[in-house]
N, C-alpha and C. Protein backbone atom coordinates (compact mmCIF):
# COMPACT_ATOMS: atom_id res chain seq x y z
N MET A 1 -15.84 -25.26 -28.34
CA MET A 1 -14.61 -24.53 -28.51
C MET A 1 -13.97 -24.23 -27.15
N LYS A 2 -14.81 -23.83 -26.21
CA LYS A 2 -14.30 -23.48 -24.89
C LYS A 2 -13.76 -24.72 -24.17
N SER A 3 -14.42 -25.86 -24.35
CA SER A 3 -13.97 -27.07 -23.68
C SER A 3 -12.63 -27.55 -24.25
N ASN A 4 -12.41 -27.36 -25.57
CA ASN A 4 -11.13 -27.73 -26.17
C ASN A 4 -10.00 -26.87 -25.60
N PHE A 5 -10.26 -25.58 -25.43
CA PHE A 5 -9.26 -24.68 -24.85
C PHE A 5 -8.94 -25.07 -23.42
N THR A 6 -9.99 -25.37 -22.65
CA THR A 6 -9.80 -25.78 -21.26
C THR A 6 -9.00 -27.08 -21.19
N LEU A 7 -9.32 -28.02 -22.04
CA LEU A 7 -8.60 -29.28 -22.08
C LEU A 7 -7.13 -29.07 -22.44
N ALA A 8 -6.86 -28.17 -23.38
CA ALA A 8 -5.47 -27.89 -23.77
C ALA A 8 -4.70 -27.25 -22.62
N VAL A 9 -5.32 -26.31 -21.92
CA VAL A 9 -4.65 -25.64 -20.81
C VAL A 9 -4.37 -26.63 -19.68
N VAL A 10 -5.33 -27.47 -19.36
CA VAL A 10 -5.14 -28.47 -18.31
C VAL A 10 -4.06 -29.46 -18.70
N SER A 11 -4.03 -29.88 -19.95
CA SER A 11 -3.01 -30.81 -20.42
C SER A 11 -1.62 -30.21 -20.32
N ILE A 12 -1.47 -28.95 -20.72
CA ILE A 12 -0.17 -28.28 -20.63
C ILE A 12 0.25 -28.15 -19.17
N PHE A 13 -0.68 -27.78 -18.30
CA PHE A 13 -0.37 -27.65 -16.88
C PHE A 13 0.08 -28.99 -16.30
N MET A 14 -0.60 -30.06 -16.65
CA MET A 14 -0.24 -31.38 -16.14
C MET A 14 1.14 -31.80 -16.64
N LEU A 15 1.44 -31.49 -17.90
CA LEU A 15 2.74 -31.84 -18.46
C LEU A 15 3.85 -31.09 -17.74
N ILE A 16 3.66 -29.80 -17.54
CA ILE A 16 4.68 -28.99 -16.87
C ILE A 16 4.85 -29.42 -15.42
N SER A 17 3.75 -29.69 -14.73
CA SER A 17 3.85 -30.07 -13.32
C SER A 17 4.46 -31.45 -13.15
N SER A 18 4.35 -32.31 -14.14
CA SER A 18 4.96 -33.64 -14.02
C SER A 18 6.45 -33.59 -14.27
N ILE A 19 6.92 -32.59 -15.00
CA ILE A 19 8.34 -32.48 -15.30
C ILE A 19 9.09 -31.80 -14.14
N SER A 20 8.50 -30.77 -13.59
CA SER A 20 9.18 -30.02 -12.53
C SER A 20 8.51 -30.26 -11.19
N TYR A 21 9.30 -30.21 -10.15
CA TYR A 21 8.75 -30.37 -8.81
C TYR A 21 9.58 -29.53 -7.85
N ALA A 22 8.95 -29.11 -6.79
CA ALA A 22 9.66 -28.37 -5.76
C ALA A 22 10.16 -29.36 -4.73
N SER A 23 11.41 -29.21 -4.37
CA SER A 23 11.98 -30.13 -3.40
C SER A 23 12.96 -29.36 -2.52
N PHE A 24 13.20 -29.88 -1.37
CA PHE A 24 14.15 -29.29 -0.46
C PHE A 24 14.97 -30.42 0.15
N PRO A 25 16.22 -30.16 0.47
CA PRO A 25 17.04 -31.23 1.04
C PRO A 25 16.63 -31.55 2.48
N VAL A 26 16.68 -32.80 2.81
CA VAL A 26 16.34 -33.26 4.15
C VAL A 26 17.58 -33.86 4.78
N GLU A 27 17.88 -33.42 6.00
CA GLU A 27 19.02 -33.95 6.71
C GLU A 27 18.63 -35.19 7.48
N ARG A 28 19.42 -36.22 7.38
CA ARG A 28 19.17 -37.41 8.18
C ARG A 28 20.50 -37.98 8.62
N ASN A 29 20.48 -38.57 9.78
CA ASN A 29 21.70 -39.16 10.34
C ASN A 29 21.74 -40.64 10.00
N VAL A 30 22.86 -41.08 9.49
CA VAL A 30 23.06 -42.47 9.14
C VAL A 30 24.09 -43.05 10.10
N VAL A 31 23.71 -44.11 10.79
CA VAL A 31 24.61 -44.76 11.74
C VAL A 31 25.17 -46.01 11.10
N THR A 32 26.48 -46.09 11.06
CA THR A 32 27.14 -47.28 10.52
C THR A 32 28.01 -47.90 11.61
N THR A 33 27.99 -49.20 11.70
CA THR A 33 28.80 -49.92 12.68
C THR A 33 30.14 -50.26 12.05
N ILE A 34 31.19 -49.78 12.68
CA ILE A 34 32.53 -50.02 12.15
C ILE A 34 33.08 -51.35 12.65
N ASN A 35 32.97 -51.61 13.95
CA ASN A 35 33.50 -52.83 14.53
C ASN A 35 32.40 -53.47 15.36
N VAL A 36 32.00 -54.66 15.00
CA VAL A 36 30.90 -55.34 15.68
C VAL A 36 31.28 -55.74 17.10
N GLU A 37 32.52 -56.18 17.30
CA GLU A 37 32.94 -56.66 18.62
C GLU A 37 32.97 -55.56 19.67
N THR A 38 33.44 -54.39 19.31
CA THR A 38 33.52 -53.29 20.28
C THR A 38 32.33 -52.34 20.17
N ALA A 39 31.45 -52.58 19.22
CA ALA A 39 30.24 -51.78 19.00
C ALA A 39 30.57 -50.31 18.77
N VAL A 40 31.60 -50.05 17.97
CA VAL A 40 31.95 -48.68 17.60
C VAL A 40 31.07 -48.26 16.44
N GLU A 41 30.38 -47.16 16.63
CA GLU A 41 29.47 -46.67 15.60
C GLU A 41 29.90 -45.29 15.13
N GLU A 42 29.66 -45.02 13.89
CA GLU A 42 29.98 -43.72 13.32
C GLU A 42 28.70 -43.12 12.76
N THR A 43 28.43 -41.86 13.10
CA THR A 43 27.24 -41.18 12.62
C THR A 43 27.64 -40.13 11.59
N THR A 44 27.02 -40.19 10.43
CA THR A 44 27.26 -39.19 9.41
C THR A 44 25.94 -38.54 9.02
N THR A 45 26.00 -37.30 8.61
CA THR A 45 24.81 -36.58 8.18
C THR A 45 24.75 -36.61 6.66
N VAL A 46 23.60 -36.99 6.14
CA VAL A 46 23.42 -37.11 4.70
C VAL A 46 22.26 -36.21 4.30
N LEU A 47 22.44 -35.45 3.22
CA LEU A 47 21.35 -34.66 2.66
C LEU A 47 20.71 -35.47 1.56
N SER A 48 19.40 -35.58 1.61
CA SER A 48 18.69 -36.32 0.57
C SER A 48 17.44 -35.56 0.19
N SER A 49 16.90 -35.90 -0.95
CA SER A 49 15.69 -35.25 -1.44
C SER A 49 14.51 -36.18 -1.23
N PRO A 50 13.43 -35.72 -0.57
CA PRO A 50 12.29 -36.59 -0.37
C PRO A 50 11.54 -36.89 -1.66
N ALA A 51 11.72 -36.04 -2.68
CA ALA A 51 11.02 -36.26 -3.94
C ALA A 51 11.69 -37.33 -4.78
N ALA A 52 12.95 -37.60 -4.51
CA ALA A 52 13.66 -38.62 -5.26
C ALA A 52 13.31 -39.99 -4.70
N VAL A 53 12.69 -40.80 -5.52
CA VAL A 53 12.29 -42.14 -5.11
C VAL A 53 13.22 -43.13 -5.78
N VAL A 54 13.70 -44.07 -5.02
CA VAL A 54 14.55 -45.10 -5.59
C VAL A 54 13.65 -46.09 -6.32
N TRP A 55 13.86 -46.23 -7.59
CA TRP A 55 13.04 -47.10 -8.42
C TRP A 55 13.71 -48.45 -8.52
N GLU A 56 12.96 -49.50 -8.20
CA GLU A 56 13.51 -50.84 -8.23
C GLU A 56 12.95 -51.62 -9.41
N GLU A 57 13.63 -52.70 -9.74
CA GLU A 57 13.19 -53.54 -10.85
C GLU A 57 11.81 -54.15 -10.56
N SER A 58 11.55 -54.48 -9.30
CA SER A 58 10.26 -55.08 -8.96
C SER A 58 9.11 -54.09 -9.19
N GLN A 59 9.38 -52.79 -9.06
CA GLN A 59 8.34 -51.81 -9.35
C GLN A 59 8.03 -51.78 -10.84
N THR A 60 9.05 -51.89 -11.66
CA THR A 60 8.84 -51.91 -13.11
C THR A 60 8.02 -53.13 -13.51
N ILE A 61 8.39 -54.29 -12.99
CA ILE A 61 7.67 -55.52 -13.31
C ILE A 61 6.24 -55.44 -12.82
N ALA A 62 6.04 -54.94 -11.60
CA ALA A 62 4.68 -54.82 -11.06
C ALA A 62 3.84 -53.84 -11.86
N THR A 63 4.43 -52.76 -12.33
CA THR A 63 3.70 -51.78 -13.14
C THR A 63 3.28 -52.39 -14.48
N VAL A 64 4.19 -53.12 -15.11
CA VAL A 64 3.86 -53.78 -16.38
C VAL A 64 2.77 -54.82 -16.18
N LEU A 65 2.88 -55.61 -15.09
CA LEU A 65 1.84 -56.60 -14.79
C LEU A 65 0.51 -55.92 -14.49
N TRP A 66 0.54 -54.79 -13.79
CA TRP A 66 -0.70 -54.05 -13.50
C TRP A 66 -1.36 -53.63 -14.81
N PHE A 67 -0.55 -53.15 -15.76
CA PHE A 67 -1.10 -52.64 -17.02
C PHE A 67 -1.67 -53.77 -17.88
N PHE A 68 -0.93 -54.86 -18.02
CA PHE A 68 -1.36 -55.92 -18.93
C PHE A 68 -2.21 -57.01 -18.28
N LEU A 69 -1.96 -57.33 -17.01
CA LEU A 69 -2.68 -58.41 -16.34
C LEU A 69 -3.40 -57.94 -15.09
N GLY A 70 -3.71 -56.66 -15.03
CA GLY A 70 -4.38 -56.11 -13.86
C GLY A 70 -5.76 -56.69 -13.62
N PHE A 71 -6.43 -57.09 -14.69
CA PHE A 71 -7.79 -57.64 -14.55
C PHE A 71 -7.80 -59.00 -13.86
N VAL A 72 -6.67 -59.71 -13.86
CA VAL A 72 -6.56 -60.98 -13.13
C VAL A 72 -5.60 -60.86 -11.95
N ALA A 73 -5.35 -59.63 -11.51
CA ALA A 73 -4.53 -59.32 -10.34
C ALA A 73 -3.10 -59.83 -10.50
N GLY A 74 -2.55 -59.73 -11.70
CA GLY A 74 -1.19 -60.20 -11.95
C GLY A 74 -0.16 -59.53 -11.07
N HIS A 75 -0.30 -58.24 -10.86
CA HIS A 75 0.65 -57.52 -10.02
C HIS A 75 0.54 -57.94 -8.57
N ARG A 76 -0.67 -58.26 -8.13
CA ARG A 76 -0.88 -58.67 -6.73
C ARG A 76 -0.29 -60.06 -6.49
N TRP A 77 -0.46 -60.98 -7.45
CA TRP A 77 0.14 -62.31 -7.32
C TRP A 77 1.66 -62.18 -7.28
N TYR A 78 2.21 -61.33 -8.15
CA TYR A 78 3.66 -61.15 -8.21
C TYR A 78 4.23 -60.60 -6.90
N LEU A 79 3.52 -59.64 -6.31
CA LEU A 79 4.01 -59.00 -5.09
C LEU A 79 3.67 -59.75 -3.81
N GLY A 80 2.99 -60.87 -3.92
CA GLY A 80 2.75 -61.74 -2.77
C GLY A 80 1.59 -61.33 -1.90
N SER A 81 0.56 -60.73 -2.47
CA SER A 81 -0.64 -60.40 -1.69
C SER A 81 -1.36 -61.69 -1.31
N PRO A 82 -2.15 -61.66 -0.23
CA PRO A 82 -2.87 -62.87 0.18
C PRO A 82 -3.83 -63.36 -0.92
N VAL A 83 -3.95 -64.68 -1.04
CA VAL A 83 -4.75 -65.29 -2.10
C VAL A 83 -6.20 -64.84 -2.03
N GLY A 84 -6.76 -64.78 -0.83
CA GLY A 84 -8.16 -64.37 -0.68
C GLY A 84 -8.41 -62.96 -1.19
N TRP A 85 -7.49 -62.05 -0.90
CA TRP A 85 -7.65 -60.67 -1.38
C TRP A 85 -7.51 -60.61 -2.90
N ASN A 86 -6.63 -61.44 -3.46
CA ASN A 86 -6.47 -61.45 -4.91
C ASN A 86 -7.73 -61.95 -5.60
N ILE A 87 -8.34 -62.98 -5.05
CA ILE A 87 -9.58 -63.51 -5.63
C ILE A 87 -10.70 -62.47 -5.51
N LEU A 88 -10.79 -61.81 -4.36
CA LEU A 88 -11.78 -60.75 -4.19
C LEU A 88 -11.55 -59.61 -5.17
N TYR A 89 -10.28 -59.28 -5.41
CA TYR A 89 -9.93 -58.25 -6.39
C TYR A 89 -10.45 -58.62 -7.78
N ILE A 90 -10.26 -59.89 -8.15
CA ILE A 90 -10.72 -60.35 -9.47
C ILE A 90 -12.24 -60.32 -9.55
N LEU A 91 -12.92 -60.82 -8.53
CA LEU A 91 -14.39 -60.90 -8.55
C LEU A 91 -15.06 -59.53 -8.54
N THR A 92 -14.41 -58.53 -7.95
CA THR A 92 -15.02 -57.19 -7.89
C THR A 92 -14.45 -56.26 -8.95
N PHE A 93 -13.74 -56.85 -9.94
CA PHE A 93 -13.14 -56.06 -11.02
C PHE A 93 -12.25 -54.95 -10.47
N GLY A 94 -11.38 -55.33 -9.56
CA GLY A 94 -10.45 -54.37 -8.98
C GLY A 94 -11.14 -53.36 -8.09
N GLY A 95 -12.16 -53.83 -7.36
CA GLY A 95 -12.91 -52.90 -6.51
C GLY A 95 -13.56 -51.82 -7.34
N LEU A 96 -14.12 -52.24 -8.51
CA LEU A 96 -14.71 -51.33 -9.49
C LEU A 96 -13.72 -50.26 -9.93
N GLY A 97 -12.45 -50.64 -10.00
CA GLY A 97 -11.42 -49.75 -10.48
C GLY A 97 -10.73 -48.94 -9.39
N ILE A 98 -11.34 -48.87 -8.23
CA ILE A 98 -10.76 -48.06 -7.15
C ILE A 98 -9.51 -48.75 -6.59
N TRP A 99 -9.60 -50.05 -6.30
CA TRP A 99 -8.43 -50.77 -5.80
C TRP A 99 -7.32 -50.75 -6.84
N ALA A 100 -7.70 -50.84 -8.11
CA ALA A 100 -6.70 -50.85 -9.17
C ALA A 100 -5.90 -49.55 -9.17
N ILE A 101 -6.58 -48.43 -9.04
CA ILE A 101 -5.90 -47.14 -9.03
C ILE A 101 -5.04 -47.00 -7.77
N ILE A 102 -5.57 -47.43 -6.63
CA ILE A 102 -4.79 -47.37 -5.39
C ILE A 102 -3.56 -48.26 -5.50
N ASP A 103 -3.71 -49.45 -6.08
CA ASP A 103 -2.56 -50.34 -6.27
C ASP A 103 -1.50 -49.68 -7.15
N LEU A 104 -1.93 -49.03 -8.23
CA LEU A 104 -0.98 -48.38 -9.13
C LEU A 104 -0.23 -47.27 -8.39
N ILE A 105 -0.94 -46.47 -7.63
CA ILE A 105 -0.28 -45.39 -6.87
C ILE A 105 0.71 -45.97 -5.87
N ASP A 106 0.30 -47.03 -5.18
CA ASP A 106 1.20 -47.66 -4.21
C ASP A 106 2.43 -48.26 -4.87
N ILE A 107 2.26 -48.84 -6.04
CA ILE A 107 3.40 -49.41 -6.75
C ILE A 107 4.35 -48.30 -7.21
N LEU A 108 3.81 -47.24 -7.79
CA LEU A 108 4.64 -46.16 -8.29
C LEU A 108 5.38 -45.42 -7.18
N THR A 109 4.78 -45.32 -6.01
CA THR A 109 5.44 -44.62 -4.91
C THR A 109 6.29 -45.55 -4.07
N GLY A 110 6.22 -46.86 -4.32
CA GLY A 110 7.02 -47.82 -3.57
C GLY A 110 6.44 -48.19 -2.22
N ASN A 111 5.16 -47.90 -2.01
CA ASN A 111 4.51 -48.17 -0.72
C ASN A 111 3.75 -49.48 -0.70
N TYR A 112 3.71 -50.21 -1.81
CA TYR A 112 2.95 -51.46 -1.87
C TYR A 112 3.69 -52.52 -1.06
N PRO A 113 3.00 -53.23 -0.17
CA PRO A 113 3.67 -54.30 0.59
C PRO A 113 4.23 -55.36 -0.35
N GLY A 114 5.44 -55.72 -0.16
CA GLY A 114 6.09 -56.70 -1.00
C GLY A 114 7.16 -56.08 -1.91
N LEU A 115 7.19 -54.76 -1.97
CA LEU A 115 8.22 -54.11 -2.80
C LEU A 115 9.50 -53.95 -2.02
């Protein structure tokens, strides 16, 4: 009974924490070149949120490949990982699941090489 209650509380906490996040605006300077011949540059200040990640189509495809073809390194072949590492990934069953989880995190955060 106690474990069911604990599981319910943890599940609710995880659901709430995945929906809401704390964020603060970050100032960054963006330099744009107006005229290439005279090298005139314009600097503008842009406020952006570090928690907002730009999601690309390749991330969606890689995530789907990870889910359905992860056991044969489908996502790694798609993203252009070296052949030797892909074969090692297959032979070690995704590094006994550790590489697979790291790959998923890298794909979701956009840090995987090739994205």
